[in-house]
Structure formats: structure tokens, C-alpha cells
Amino acid sequence: MHLSEIDFGAARPIEGYGPDFFRLGGEAHTAPLLVVAGEVRAWAGYHDVAPLLALAGKVDVLFIGTGGTIAHLPEDLRETLESAGIGAEIMDSPAACRTYNVLLAEERRVALAVLPVG
């Protein structure tokens, strides 16, 4: 079997995570985070809607990691994202990180809003 290294270019995949942190580009970042291609920034959680709405028209899908277990989004957040035309996929944070990395490797326009795993 032949394995090849993935080149993410300027994008920053999730390399690892633990309680209250995510590692990108060899650096640990305090959770929760919003990750869009080459940019990583703090995200204050479900009530921090403005940076999510700023993604409208810029990404094909927003993955929202709900922590160590899957949970429903608050109804008002879900409705706000839908009204803005932002497609959001909800899953636990480990699954959201893995899925984000796969689509990032495919050079898709993706973003990740992720809560800590524990």
C-alpha cells in the first residue's frame, strides 16, 4: 500500500484535542474555537453568532462540534443559521474535527466551530 502525505497548503487542520484545547499547526489553542481555512480564533460558544453569520456565502458547510457528546443546537441558533443560508452539520467535537479535516484535504470551503471535548 502506498501512503501519501496530504498537503493542506495554508489551511490548518486539527492535529489533536484534549480537555479545553485543540492543536493546530503544532500550537495548542484554548477551546472553544472557530477555524476557517488558515484562520483560527476564539469562539464564545452558541451565543456568539456574529462570527458564524460572517461565514455566509464563504463556506459550503459549517461543522459544529458540540463537545464530547452530540447535542442539539439551541433552536434560535439553528433558525438563525438556516435563515442566513449557512448549512450546518452538528456532531460531537471529535467527529466534527475528523470530518473537517477530510473535507479540508479535498479543498472544500469548510469551517469548524467547536466546543471542548471535556
PDB file of N, CA and C in Angstrom:
ATOM      1  N   MET A   1       0.847  -1.162   0.000  1.00  0.00           N
ATOM      2  CA  MET A   1       0.000   0.000   0.000  1.00  0.00           C
ATOM      3  C   MET A   1       0.897   1.231   0.000  1.00  0.00           C
ATOM      4  N   HIS A   2       0.530   2.212  -0.811  1.00  0.00           N
ATOM      5  CA  HIS A   2       1.275   3.464  -0.911  1.00  0.00           C
ATOM      6  C   HIS A   2       0.539   4.543  -0.128  1.00  0.00           C
ATOM      7  N   LEU A   3       1.229   5.179   0.795  1.00  0.00           N
ATOM      8  CA  LEU A   3       0.653   6.276   1.560  1.00  0.00           C
ATOM      9  C   LEU A   3       1.262   7.582   1.083  1.00  0.00           C
ATOM     10  N   SER A   4       0.465   8.582   0.971  1.00  0.00           N
ATOM     11  CA  SER A   4       0.991   9.886   0.574  1.00  0.00           C
ATOM     12  C   SER A   4       0.580  10.929   1.608  1.00  0.00           C
ATOM     13  N   GLU A   5       1.453  11.875   1.809  1.00  0.00           N
ATOM     14  CA  GLU A   5       1.200  12.952   2.761  1.00  0.00           C
ATOM     15  C   GLU A   5       0.215  13.945   2.148  1.00  0.00           C
ATOM     16  N   ILE A   6      -0.700  14.433   2.967  1.00  0.00           N
ATOM     17  CA  ILE A   6      -1.674  15.419   2.497  1.00  0.00           C
ATOM     18  C   ILE A   6      -1.069  16.802   2.652  1.00  0.00           C
ATOM     19  N   ASP A   7      -1.188  17.605   1.605  1.00  0.00           N
ATOM     20  CA  ASP A   7      -0.732  18.993   1.662  1.00  0.00           C
ATOM     21  C   ASP A   7      -1.958  19.881   1.844  1.00  0.00           C
ATOM     22  N   PHE A   8      -2.062  20.499   3.001  1.00  0.00           N
ATOM     23  CA  PHE A   8      -3.198  21.361   3.294  1.00  0.00           C
ATOM     24  C   PHE A   8      -2.965  22.803   2.852  1.00  0.00           C
ATOM     25  N   GLY A   9      -1.788  23.094   2.300  1.00  0.00           N
ATOM     26  CA  GLY A   9      -1.482  24.465   1.898  1.00  0.00           C
ATOM     27  C   GLY A   9      -1.496  25.383   3.112  1.00  0.00           C
ATOM     28  N   ALA A  10      -2.166  26.521   2.992  1.00  0.00           N
ATOM     29  CA  ALA A  10      -2.245  27.488   4.095  1.00  0.00           C
ATOM     30  C   ALA A  10      -3.315  27.109   5.112  1.00  0.00           C
ATOM     31  N   ALA A  11      -4.166  26.155   4.767  1.00  0.00           N
ATOM     32  CA  ALA A  11      -5.238  25.741   5.678  1.00  0.00           C
ATOM     33  C   ALA A  11      -4.636  25.053   6.902  1.00  0.00           C
ATOM     34  N   ARG A  12      -5.395  25.041   7.994  1.00  0.00           N
ATOM     35  CA  ARG A  12      -4.890  24.475   9.239  1.00  0.00           C
ATOM     36  C   ARG A  12      -5.805  23.370   9.726  1.00  0.00           C
ATOM     37  N   PRO A  13      -5.392  22.107   9.525  1.00  0.00           N
ATOM     38  CA  PRO A  13      -6.198  21.001  10.025  1.00  0.00           C
ATOM     39  C   PRO A  13      -6.080  20.870  11.542  1.00  0.00           C
ATOM     40  N   ILE A  14      -7.034  20.174  12.117  1.00  0.00           N
ATOM     41  CA  ILE A  14      -6.987  19.864  13.548  1.00  0.00           C
ATOM     42  C   ILE A  14      -6.030  18.688  13.715  1.00  0.00           C
ATOM     43  N   GLU A  15      -4.983  18.878  14.501  1.00  0.00           N
ATOM     44  CA  GLU A  15      -3.982  17.833  14.707  1.00  0.00           C
ATOM     45  C   GLU A  15      -4.258  17.008  15.955  1.00  0.00           C
ATOM     46  N   GLY A  16      -4.976  17.579  16.898  1.00  0.00           N
ATOM     47  CA  GLY A  16      -5.274  16.874  18.132  1.00  0.00           C
ATOM     48  C   GLY A  16      -6.149  17.720  19.028  1.00  0.00           C
ATOM     49  N   TYR A  17      -6.639  17.102  20.103  1.00  0.00           N
ATOM     50  CA  TYR A  17      -7.501  17.815  21.043  1.00  0.00           C
ATOM     51  C   TYR A  17      -7.471  17.109  22.384  1.00  0.00           C
ATOM     52  N   GLY A  18      -7.889  17.828  23.384  1.00  0.00           N
ATOM     53  CA  GLY A  18      -7.983  17.291  24.733  1.00  0.00           C
ATOM     54  C   GLY A  18      -8.895  18.192  25.532  1.00  0.00           C
ATOM     55  N   PRO A  19      -8.947  17.986  26.841  1.00  0.00           N
ATOM     56  CA  PRO A  19      -9.815  18.838  27.653  1.00  0.00           C
ATOM     57  C   PRO A  19      -9.425  20.314  27.498  1.00  0.00           C
ATOM     58  N   ASP A  20     -10.330  21.087  26.966  1.00  0.00           N
ATOM     59  CA  ASP A  20     -10.182  22.538  26.851  1.00  0.00           C
ATOM     60  C   ASP A  20      -9.115  23.024  25.871  1.00  0.00           C
ATOM     61  N   PHE A  21      -8.643  22.189  24.942  1.00  0.00           N
ATOM     62  CA  PHE A  21      -7.711  22.679  23.929  1.00  0.00           C
ATOM     63  C   PHE A  21      -7.856  21.896  22.626  1.00  0.00           C
ATOM     64  N   PHE A  22      -7.422  22.537  21.560  1.00  0.00           N
ATOM     65  CA  PHE A  22      -7.303  21.912  20.244  1.00  0.00           C
ATOM     66  C   PHE A  22      -5.920  22.294  19.722  1.00  0.00           C
ATOM     67  N   ARG A  23      -5.252  21.369  19.010  1.00  0.00           N
ATOM     68  CA  ARG A  23      -3.920  21.645  18.479  1.00  0.00           C
ATOM     69  C   ARG A  23      -3.997  21.800  16.961  1.00  0.00           C
ATOM     70  N   LEU A  24      -3.485  22.933  16.481  1.00  0.00           N
ATOM     71  CA  LEU A  24      -3.416  23.231  15.050  1.00  0.00           C
ATOM     72  C   LEU A  24      -2.040  23.820  14.770  1.00  0.00           C
ATOM     73  N   GLY A  25      -1.401  23.385  13.708  1.00  0.00           N
ATOM     74  CA  GLY A  25      -0.098  23.930  13.352  1.00  0.00           C
ATOM     75  C   GLY A  25       0.930  23.791  14.458  1.00  0.00           C
ATOM     76  N   GLY A  26       0.826  22.723  15.252  1.00  0.00           N
ATOM     77  CA  GLY A  26       1.763  22.497  16.340  1.00  0.00           C
ATOM     78  C   GLY A  26       1.524  23.343  17.572  1.00  0.00           C
ATOM     79  N   GLU A  27       0.478  24.163  17.562  1.00  0.00           N
ATOM     80  CA  GLU A  27       0.177  25.038  18.688  1.00  0.00           C
ATOM     81  C   GLU A  27      -1.143  24.643  19.345  1.00  0.00           C
ATOM     82  N   ALA A  28      -1.165  24.675  20.662  1.00  0.00           N
ATOM     83  CA  ALA A  28      -2.400  24.419  21.397  1.00  0.00           C
ATOM     84  C   ALA A  28      -3.189  25.720  21.489  1.00  0.00           C
ATOM     85  N   HIS A  29      -4.483  25.633  21.213  1.00  0.00           N
ATOM     86  CA  HIS A  29      -5.382  26.777  21.299  1.00  0.00           C
ATOM     87  C   HIS A  29      -6.478  26.441  22.299  1.00  0.00           C
ATOM     88  N   THR A  30      -6.774  27.395  23.158  1.00  0.00           N
ATOM     89  CA  THR A  30      -7.826  27.203  24.144  1.00  0.00           C
ATOM     90  C   THR A  30      -9.177  27.094  23.450  1.00  0.00           C
ATOM     91  N   ALA A  31      -9.977  26.145  23.868  1.00  0.00           N
ATOM     92  CA  ALA A  31     -11.297  25.929  23.292  1.00  0.00           C
ATOM     93  C   ALA A  31     -12.300  26.814  23.993  1.00  0.00           C
ATOM     94  N   PRO A  32     -13.413  27.119  23.372  1.00  0.00           N
ATOM     95  CA  PRO A  32     -13.881  26.762  22.033  1.00  0.00           C
ATOM     96  C   PRO A  32     -13.228  27.614  20.938  1.00  0.00           C
ATOM     97  N   LEU A  33     -13.269  27.083  19.716  1.00  0.00           N
ATOM     98  CA  LEU A  33     -12.605  27.714  18.578  1.00  0.00           C
ATOM     99  C   LEU A  33     -13.517  27.820  17.372  1.00  0.00           C
ATOM    100  N   LEU A  34     -13.161  28.763  16.510  1.00  0.00           N
ATOM    101  CA  LEU A  34     -13.736  28.859  15.166  1.00  0.00           C
ATOM    102  C   LEU A  34     -12.555  28.766  14.216  1.00  0.00           C
ATOM    103  N   VAL A  35     -12.588  27.784  13.326  1.00  0.00           N
ATOM    104  CA  VAL A  35     -11.493  27.543  12.396  1.00  0.00           C
ATOM    105  C   VAL A  35     -12.030  27.653  10.977  1.00  0.00           C
ATOM    106  N   VAL A  36     -11.412  28.537  10.196  1.00  0.00           N
ATOM    107  CA  VAL A  36     -11.795  28.714   8.797  1.00  0.00           C
ATOM    108  C   VAL A  36     -10.508  28.741   7.993  1.00  0.00           C
ATOM    109  N   ALA A  37     -10.271  27.676   7.211  1.00  0.00           N
ATOM    110  CA  ALA A  37      -9.069  27.542   6.377  1.00  0.00           C
ATOM    111  C   ALA A  37      -7.817  27.916   7.160  1.00  0.00           C
ATOM    112  N   GLY A  38      -7.169  29.024   6.858  1.00  0.00           N
ATOM    113  CA  GLY A  38      -5.923  29.390   7.508  1.00  0.00           C
ATOM    114  C   GLY A  38      -6.081  30.201   8.774  1.00  0.00           C
ATOM    115  N   GLU A  39      -7.294  30.436   9.214  1.00  0.00           N
ATOM    116  CA  GLU A  39      -7.524  31.316  10.364  1.00  0.00           C
ATOM    117  C   GLU A  39      -8.120  30.555  11.549  1.00  0.00           C
ATOM    118  N   VAL A  40      -7.567  30.823  12.722  1.00  0.00           N
ATOM    119  CA  VAL A  40      -8.053  30.221  13.967  1.00  0.00           C
ATOM    120  C   VAL A  40      -8.338  31.349  14.934  1.00  0.00           C
ATOM    121  N   ARG A  41      -9.537  31.336  15.524  1.00  0.00           N
ATOM    122  CA  ARG A  41      -9.846  32.382  16.500  1.00  0.00           C
ATOM    123  C   ARG A  41     -10.736  31.819  17.599  1.00  0.00           C
ATOM    124  N   ALA A  42     -10.745  32.511  18.706  1.00  0.00           N
ATOM    125  CA  ALA A  42     -11.600  32.111  19.824  1.00  0.00           C
ATOM    126  C   ALA A  42     -13.059  32.265  19.400  1.00  0.00           C
ATOM    127  N   TRP A  43     -13.883  31.401  19.933  1.00  0.00           N
ATOM    128  CA  TRP A  43     -15.320  31.458  19.709  1.00  0.00           C
ATOM    129  C   TRP A  43     -15.964  31.309  21.080  1.00  0.00           C
ATOM    130  N   ALA A  44     -16.940  32.124  21.384  1.00  0.00           N
ATOM    131  CA  ALA A  44     -17.528  32.132  22.724  1.00  0.00           C
ATOM    132  C   ALA A  44     -18.671  31.136  22.902  1.00  0.00           C
ATOM    133  N   GLY A  45     -18.931  30.313  21.906  1.00  0.00           N
ATOM    134  CA  GLY A  45     -19.982  29.311  22.026  1.00  0.00           C
ATOM    135  C   GLY A  45     -21.260  29.709  21.323  1.00  0.00           C
ATOM    136  N   TYR A  46     -22.319  28.997  21.612  1.00  0.00           N
ATOM    137  CA  TYR A  46     -23.583  29.134  20.885  1.00  0.00           C
ATOM    138  C   TYR A  46     -24.130  30.558  20.818  1.00  0.00           C
ATOM    139  N   HIS A  47     -23.904  31.353  21.842  1.00  0.00           N
ATOM    140  CA  HIS A  47     -24.448  32.719  21.832  1.00  0.00           C
ATOM    141  C   HIS A  47     -23.601  33.681  20.992  1.00  0.00           C
ATOM    142  N   ASP A  48     -22.425  33.244  20.546  1.00  0.00           N
ATOM    143  CA  ASP A  48     -21.518  34.066  19.740  1.00  0.00           C
ATOM    144  C   ASP A  48     -21.833  33.845  18.255  1.00  0.00           C
ATOM    145  N   VAL A  49     -22.916  34.452  17.809  1.00  0.00           N
ATOM    146  CA  VAL A  49     -23.469  34.185  16.475  1.00  0.00           C
ATOM    147  C   VAL A  49     -22.808  35.007  15.373  1.00  0.00           C
ATOM    148  N   ALA A  50     -22.357  36.217  15.662  1.00  0.00           N
ATOM    149  CA  ALA A  50     -21.827  37.117  14.632  1.00  0.00           C
ATOM    150  C   ALA A  50     -20.721  36.493  13.783  1.00  0.00           C
ATOM    151  N   PRO A  51     -19.706  35.838  14.380  1.00  0.00           N
ATOM    152  CA  PRO A  51     -18.668  35.265  13.521  1.00  0.00           C
ATOM    153  C   PRO A  51     -19.180  34.116  12.651  1.00  0.00           C
ATOM    154  N   LEU A  52     -20.208  33.436  13.106  1.00  0.00           N
ATOM    155  CA  LEU A  52     -20.802  32.367  12.296  1.00  0.00           C
ATOM    156  C   LEU A  52     -21.562  32.956  11.115  1.00  0.00           C
ATOM    157  N   LEU A  53     -22.313  34.022  11.366  1.00  0.00           N
ATOM    158  CA  LEU A  53     -23.071  34.678  10.290  1.00  0.00           C
ATOM    159  C   LEU A  53     -22.138  35.298   9.254  1.00  0.00           C
ATOM    160  N   ALA A  54     -20.950  35.699   9.664  1.00  0.00           N
ATOM    161  CA  ALA A  54     -19.975  36.276   8.731  1.00  0.00           C
ATOM    162  C   ALA A  54     -19.492  35.248   7.709  1.00  0.00           C
ATOM    163  N   LEU A  55     -19.770  33.971   7.947  1.00  0.00           N
ATOM    164  CA  LEU A  55     -19.360  32.911   7.026  1.00  0.00           C
ATOM    165  C   LEU A  55     -20.323  32.727   5.858  1.00  0.00           C
ATOM    166  N   ALA A  56     -21.475  33.380   5.916  1.00  0.00           N
ATOM    167  CA  ALA A  56     -22.487  33.230   4.854  1.00  0.00           C
ATOM    168  C   ALA A  56     -21.873  33.550   3.495  1.00  0.00           C
ATOM    169  N   GLY A  57     -22.033  32.614   2.564  1.00  0.00           N
ATOM    170  CA  GLY A  57     -21.511  32.770   1.215  1.00  0.00           C
ATOM    171  C   GLY A  57     -20.026  32.479   1.087  1.00  0.00           C
ATOM    172  N   LYS A  58     -19.340  32.236   2.195  1.00  0.00           N
ATOM    173  CA  LYS A  58     -17.893  31.992   2.161  1.00  0.00           C
ATOM    174  C   LYS A  58     -17.530  30.526   2.362  1.00  0.00           C
ATOM    175  N   VAL A  59     -18.459  29.757   2.926  1.00  0.00           N
ATOM    176  CA  VAL A  59     -18.200  28.331   3.145  1.00  0.00           C
ATOM    177  C   VAL A  59     -19.371  27.512   2.624  1.00  0.00           C
ATOM    178  N   ASP A  60     -19.066  26.272   2.260  1.00  0.00           N
ATOM    179  CA  ASP A  60     -20.119  25.364   1.812  1.00  0.00           C
ATOM    180  C   ASP A  60     -20.819  24.698   2.983  1.00  0.00           C
ATOM    181  N   VAL A  61     -20.065  24.472   4.053  1.00  0.00           N
ATOM    182  CA  VAL A  61     -20.642  23.838   5.232  1.00  0.00           C
ATOM    183  C   VAL A  61     -19.878  24.279   6.477  1.00  0.00           C
ATOM    184  N   LEU A  62     -20.621  24.431   7.554  1.00  0.00           N
ATOM    185  CA  LEU A  62     -20.082  24.738   8.868  1.00  0.00           C
ATOM    186  C   LEU A  62     -20.297  23.522   9.749  1.00  0.00           C
ATOM    187  N   PHE A  63     -19.210  22.948  10.250  1.00  0.00           N
ATOM    188  CA  PHE A  63     -19.321  21.842  11.197  1.00  0.00           C
ATOM    189  C   PHE A  63     -19.330  22.428  12.593  1.00  0.00           C
ATOM    190  N   ILE A  64     -20.299  22.028  13.385  1.00  0.00           N
ATOM    191  CA  ILE A  64     -20.379  22.490  14.768  1.00  0.00           C
ATOM    192  C   ILE A  64     -20.169  21.284  15.671  1.00  0.00           C
ATOM    193  N   GLY A  65     -19.067  21.334  16.415  1.00  0.00           N
ATOM    194  CA  GLY A  65     -18.753  20.281  17.370  1.00  0.00           C
ATOM    195  C   GLY A  65     -19.334  20.642  18.724  1.00  0.00           C
ATOM    196  N   THR A  66     -20.173  19.765  19.253  1.00  0.00           N
ATOM    197  CA  THR A  66     -20.936  20.055  20.469  1.00  0.00           C
ATOM    198  C   THR A  66     -20.264  19.569  21.753  1.00  0.00           C
ATOM    199  N   GLY A  67     -18.984  19.238  21.680  1.00  0.00           N
ATOM    200  CA  GLY A  67     -18.274  18.753  22.860  1.00  0.00           C
ATOM    201  C   GLY A  67     -18.044  17.254  22.769  1.00  0.00           C
ATOM    202  N   GLY A  68     -17.909  16.613  23.922  1.00  0.00           N
ATOM    203  CA  GLY A  68     -17.625  15.183  23.970  1.00  0.00           C
ATOM    204  C   GLY A  68     -18.749  14.293  23.502  1.00  0.00           C
ATOM    205  N   THR A  69     -19.967  14.801  23.533  1.00  0.00           N
ATOM    206  CA  THR A  69     -21.126  14.038  23.055  1.00  0.00           C
ATOM    207  C   THR A  69     -21.965  14.925  22.140  1.00  0.00           C
ATOM    208  N   ILE A  70     -22.711  14.300  21.275  1.00  0.00           N
ATOM    209  CA  ILE A  70     -23.559  15.067  20.361  1.00  0.00           C
ATOM    210  C   ILE A  70     -24.728  15.671  21.134  1.00  0.00           C
ATOM    211  N   ALA A  71     -25.096  16.868  20.759  1.00  0.00           N
ATOM    212  CA  ALA A  71     -26.207  17.573  21.402  1.00  0.00           C
ATOM    213  C   ALA A  71     -26.934  18.397  20.351  1.00  0.00           C
ATOM    214  N   HIS A  72     -28.151  18.748  20.627  1.00  0.00           N
ATOM    215  CA  HIS A  72     -28.908  19.606  19.723  1.00  0.00           C
ATOM    216  C   HIS A  72     -28.444  21.052  19.869  1.00  0.00           C
ATOM    217  N   LEU A  73     -28.463  21.768  18.761  1.00  0.00           N
ATOM    218  CA  LEU A  73     -28.203  23.206  18.819  1.00  0.00           C
ATOM    219  C   LEU A  73     -29.402  23.901  19.440  1.00  0.00           C
ATOM    220  N   PRO A  74     -29.171  25.024  20.099  1.00  0.00           N
ATOM    221  CA  PRO A  74     -30.322  25.817  20.529  1.00  0.00           C
ATOM    222  C   PRO A  74     -31.167  26.177  19.295  1.00  0.00           C
ATOM    223  N   GLU A  75     -32.452  26.095  19.435  1.00  0.00           N
ATOM    224  CA  GLU A  75     -33.369  26.314  18.301  1.00  0.00           C
ATOM    225  C   GLU A  75     -33.160  27.667  17.625  1.00  0.00           C
ATOM    226  N   ASP A  76     -32.952  28.716  18.413  1.00  0.00           N
ATOM    227  CA  ASP A  76     -32.770  30.039  17.810  1.00  0.00           C
ATOM    228  C   ASP A  76     -31.489  30.118  16.978  1.00  0.00           C
ATOM    229  N   LEU A  77     -30.426  29.441  17.407  1.00  0.00           N
ATOM    230  CA  LEU A  77     -29.189  29.418  16.623  1.00  0.00           C
ATOM    231  C   LEU A  77     -29.400  28.662  15.317  1.00  0.00           C
ATOM    232  N   ARG A  78     -30.036  27.515  15.395  1.00  0.00           N
ATOM    233  CA  ARG A  78     -30.310  26.722  14.188  1.00  0.00           C
ATOM    234  C   ARG A  78     -31.115  27.533  13.184  1.00  0.00           C
ATOM    235  N   GLU A  79     -32.161  28.203  13.654  1.00  0.00           N
ATOM    236  CA  GLU A  79     -33.004  29.014  12.770  1.00  0.00           C
ATOM    237  C   GLU A  79     -32.234  30.197  12.185  1.00  0.00           C
ATOM    238  N   THR A  80     -31.394  30.828  12.981  1.00  0.00           N
ATOM    239  CA  THR A  80     -30.593  31.962  12.509  1.00  0.00           C
ATOM    240  C   THR A  80     -29.638  31.529  11.407  1.00  0.00           C
ATOM    241  N   LEU A  81     -28.968  30.396  11.600  1.00  0.00           N
ATOM    242  CA  LEU A  81     -28.042  29.897  10.579  1.00  0.00           C
ATOM    243  C   LEU A  81     -28.787  29.532   9.295  1.00  0.00           C
ATOM    244  N   GLU A  82     -29.921  28.858   9.440  1.00  0.00           N
ATOM    245  CA  GLU A  82     -30.715  28.498   8.261  1.00  0.00           C
ATOM    246  C   GLU A  82     -31.183  29.738   7.511  1.00  0.00           C
ATOM    247  N   SER A  83     -31.642  30.741   8.225  1.00  0.00           N
ATOM    248  CA  SER A  83     -32.105  31.981   7.594  1.00  0.00           C
ATOM    249  C   SER A  83     -30.987  32.684   6.832  1.00  0.00           C
ATOM    250  N   ALA A  84     -29.756  32.545   7.310  1.00  0.00           N
ATOM    251  CA  ALA A  84     -28.602  33.170   6.654  1.00  0.00           C
ATOM    252  C   ALA A  84     -28.067  32.319   5.506  1.00  0.00           C
ATOM    253  N   GLY A  85     -28.664  31.137   5.306  1.00  0.00           N
ATOM    254  CA  GLY A  85     -28.216  30.259   4.230  1.00  0.00           C
ATOM    255  C   GLY A  85     -26.946  29.496   4.554  1.00  0.00           C
ATOM    256  N   ILE A  86     -26.662  29.331   5.821  1.00  0.00           N
ATOM    257  CA  ILE A  86     -25.473  28.603   6.243  1.00  0.00           C
ATOM    258  C   ILE A  86     -25.856  27.167   6.560  1.00  0.00           C
ATOM    259  N   GLY A  87     -25.281  26.236   5.806  1.00  0.00           N
ATOM    260  CA  GLY A  87     -25.513  24.819   6.059  1.00  0.00           C
ATOM    261  C   GLY A  87     -24.640  24.359   7.207  1.00  0.00           C
ATOM    262  N   ALA A  88     -25.251  23.915   8.277  1.00  0.00           N
ATOM    263  CA  ALA A  88     -24.513  23.466   9.456  1.00  0.00           C
ATOM    264  C   ALA A  88     -24.737  21.981   9.683  1.00  0.00           C
ATOM    265  N   GLU A  89     -23.654  21.286   9.974  1.00  0.00           N
ATOM    266  CA  GLU A  89     -23.698  19.872  10.340  1.00  0.00           C
ATOM    267  C   GLU A  89     -23.294  19.771  11.795  1.00  0.00           C
ATOM    268  N   ILE A  90     -24.137  19.147  12.601  1.00  0.00           N
ATOM    269  CA  ILE A  90     -23.931  19.066  14.032  1.00  0.00           C
ATOM    270  C   ILE A  90     -23.444  17.662  14.385  1.00  0.00           C
ATOM    271  N   MET A  91     -22.374  17.594  15.164  1.00  0.00           N
ATOM    272  CA  MET A  91     -21.846  16.306  15.624  1.00  0.00           C
ATOM    273  C   MET A  91     -20.986  16.540  16.853  1.00  0.00           C
ATOM    274  N   ASP A  92     -20.580  15.458  17.512  1.00  0.00           N
ATOM    275  CA  ASP A  92     -19.686  15.658  18.655  1.00  0.00           C
ATOM    276  C   ASP A  92     -18.364  16.229  18.135  1.00  0.00           C
ATOM    277  N   SER A  93     -17.599  16.849  19.000  1.00  0.00           N
ATOM    278  CA  SER A  93     -16.384  17.555  18.572  1.00  0.00           C
ATOM    279  C   SER A  93     -15.339  16.646  17.922  1.00  0.00           C
ATOM    280  N   PRO A  94     -15.073  15.428  18.446  1.00  0.00           N
ATOM    281  CA  PRO A  94     -14.109  14.575  17.747  1.00  0.00           C
ATOM    282  C   PRO A  94     -14.525  14.267  16.301  1.00  0.00           C
ATOM    283  N   ALA A  95     -15.793  13.949  16.089  1.00  0.00           N
ATOM    284  CA  ALA A  95     -16.274  13.666  14.734  1.00  0.00           C
ATOM    285  C   ALA A  95     -16.223  14.916  13.860  1.00  0.00           C
ATOM    286  N   ALA A  96     -16.547  16.062  14.431  1.00  0.00           N
ATOM    287  CA  ALA A  96     -16.506  17.317  13.674  1.00  0.00           C
ATOM    288  C   ALA A  96     -15.075  17.624  13.227  1.00  0.00           C
ATOM    289  N   CYS A  97     -14.096  17.400  14.097  1.00  0.00           N
ATOM    290  CA  CYS A  97     -12.693  17.636  13.732  1.00  0.00           C
ATOM    291  C   CYS A  97     -12.257  16.713  12.601  1.00  0.00           C
ATOM    292  N   ARG A  98     -12.582  15.436  12.707  1.00  0.00           N
ATOM    293  CA  ARG A  98     -12.197  14.477  11.663  1.00  0.00           C
ATOM    294  C   ARG A  98     -12.842  14.831  10.329  1.00  0.00           C
ATOM    295  N   THR A  99     -14.123  15.145  10.358  1.00  0.00           N
ATOM    296  CA  THR A  99     -14.850  15.456   9.124  1.00  0.00           C
ATOM    297  C   THR A  99     -14.333  16.751   8.509  1.00  0.00           C
ATOM    298  N   TYR A 100     -14.067  17.744   9.342  1.00  0.00           N
ATOM    299  CA  TYR A 100     -13.485  18.996   8.870  1.00  0.00           C
ATOM    300  C   TYR A 100     -12.167  18.722   8.141  1.00  0.00           C
ATOM    301  N   ASN A 101     -11.298  17.914   8.732  1.00  0.00           N
ATOM    302  CA  ASN A 101     -10.001  17.614   8.121  1.00  0.00           C
ATOM    303  C   ASN A 101     -10.154  16.923   6.773  1.00  0.00           C
ATOM    304  N   VAL A 102     -11.082  15.977   6.671  1.00  0.00           N
ATOM    305  CA  VAL A 102     -11.287  15.262   5.413  1.00  0.00           C
ATOM    306  C   VAL A 102     -11.721  16.233   4.315  1.00  0.00           C
ATOM    307  N   LEU A 103     -12.712  17.061   4.599  1.00  0.00           N
ATOM    308  CA  LEU A 103     -13.186  17.994   3.580  1.00  0.00           C
ATOM    309  C   LEU A 103     -12.158  19.087   3.292  1.00  0.00           C
ATOM    310  N   LEU A 104     -11.383  19.464   4.279  1.00  0.00           N
ATOM    311  CA  LEU A 104     -10.310  20.429   4.073  1.00  0.00           C
ATOM    312  C   LEU A 104      -9.273  19.852   3.103  1.00  0.00           C
ATOM    313  N   ALA A 105      -8.946  18.570   3.257  1.00  0.00           N
ATOM    314  CA  ALA A 105      -7.994  17.911   2.358  1.00  0.00           C
ATOM    315  C   ALA A 105      -8.528  17.858   0.927  1.00  0.00           C
ATOM    316  N   GLU A 106      -9.836  17.865   0.784  1.00  0.00           N
ATOM    317  CA  GLU A 106     -10.467  17.872  -0.549  1.00  0.00           C
ATOM    318  C   GLU A 106     -10.604  19.289  -1.099  1.00  0.00           C
ATOM    319  N   GLU A 107     -10.028  20.250  -0.367  1.00  0.00           N
ATOM    320  CA  GLU A 107     -10.050  21.663  -0.746  1.00  0.00           C
ATOM    321  C   GLU A 107     -11.468  22.230  -0.823  1.00  0.00           C
ATOM    322  N   ARG A 108     -12.330  21.726   0.046  1.00  0.00           N
ATOM    323  CA  ARG A 108     -13.690  22.249   0.145  1.00  0.00           C
ATOM    324  C   ARG A 108     -13.688  23.499   1.006  1.00  0.00           C
ATOM    325  N   ARG A 109     -14.698  24.327   0.827  1.00  0.00           N
ATOM    326  CA  ARG A 109     -14.852  25.549   1.630  1.00  0.00           C
ATOM    327  C   ARG A 109     -15.613  25.173   2.898  1.00  0.00           C
ATOM    328  N   VAL A 110     -14.860  24.904   3.956  1.00  0.00           N
ATOM    329  CA  VAL A 110     -15.456  24.443   5.209  1.00  0.00           C
ATOM    330  C   VAL A 110     -14.993  25.302   6.374  1.00  0.00           C
ATOM    331  N   ALA A 111     -15.788  25.271   7.432  1.00  0.00           N
ATOM    332  CA  ALA A 111     -15.437  25.943   8.675  1.00  0.00           C
ATOM    333  C   ALA A 111     -15.814  25.024   9.830  1.00  0.00           C
ATOM    334  N   LEU A 112     -15.192  25.258  10.967  1.00  0.00           N
ATOM    335  CA  LEU A 112     -15.425  24.442  12.155  1.00  0.00           C
ATOM    336  C   LEU A 112     -15.610  25.352  13.359  1.00  0.00           C
ATOM    337  N   ALA A 113     -16.742  25.216  14.021  1.00  0.00           N
ATOM    338  CA  ALA A 113     -16.991  25.870  15.309  1.00  0.00           C
ATOM    339  C   ALA A 113     -17.072  24.734  16.316  1.00  0.00           C
ATOM    340  N   VAL A 114     -16.163  24.720  17.270  1.00  0.00           N
ATOM    341  CA  VAL A 114     -16.026  23.530  18.086  1.00  0.00           C
ATOM    342  C   VAL A 114     -15.896  23.856  19.569  1.00  0.00           C
ATOM    343  N   LEU A 115     -16.674  23.120  20.361  1.00  0.00           N
ATOM    344  CA  LEU A 115     -16.648  23.238  21.822  1.00  0.00           C
ATOM    345  C   LEU A 115     -15.689  22.189  22.388  1.00  0.00           C
ATOM    346  N   PRO A 116     -15.148  22.413  23.581  1.00  0.00           N
ATOM    347  CA  PRO A 116     -14.184  21.469  24.142  1.00  0.00           C
ATOM    348  C   PRO A 116     -14.779  20.087  24.371  1.00  0.00           C
ATOM    349  N   VAL A 117     -13.898  19.073  24.364  1.00  0.00           N
ATOM    350  CA  VAL A 117     -14.349  17.699  24.490  1.00  0.00           C
ATOM    351  C   VAL A 117     -14.547  17.259  25.931  1.00  0.00           C
ATOM    352  N   GLY A 118     -14.054  17.993  26.894  1.00  0.00           N
ATOM    353  CA  GLY A 118     -14.282  17.534  28.252  1.00  0.00           C
ATOM    354  C   GLY A 118     -13.701  18.405  29.308  1.00  0.00           C
TER     355      GLY A 118
END
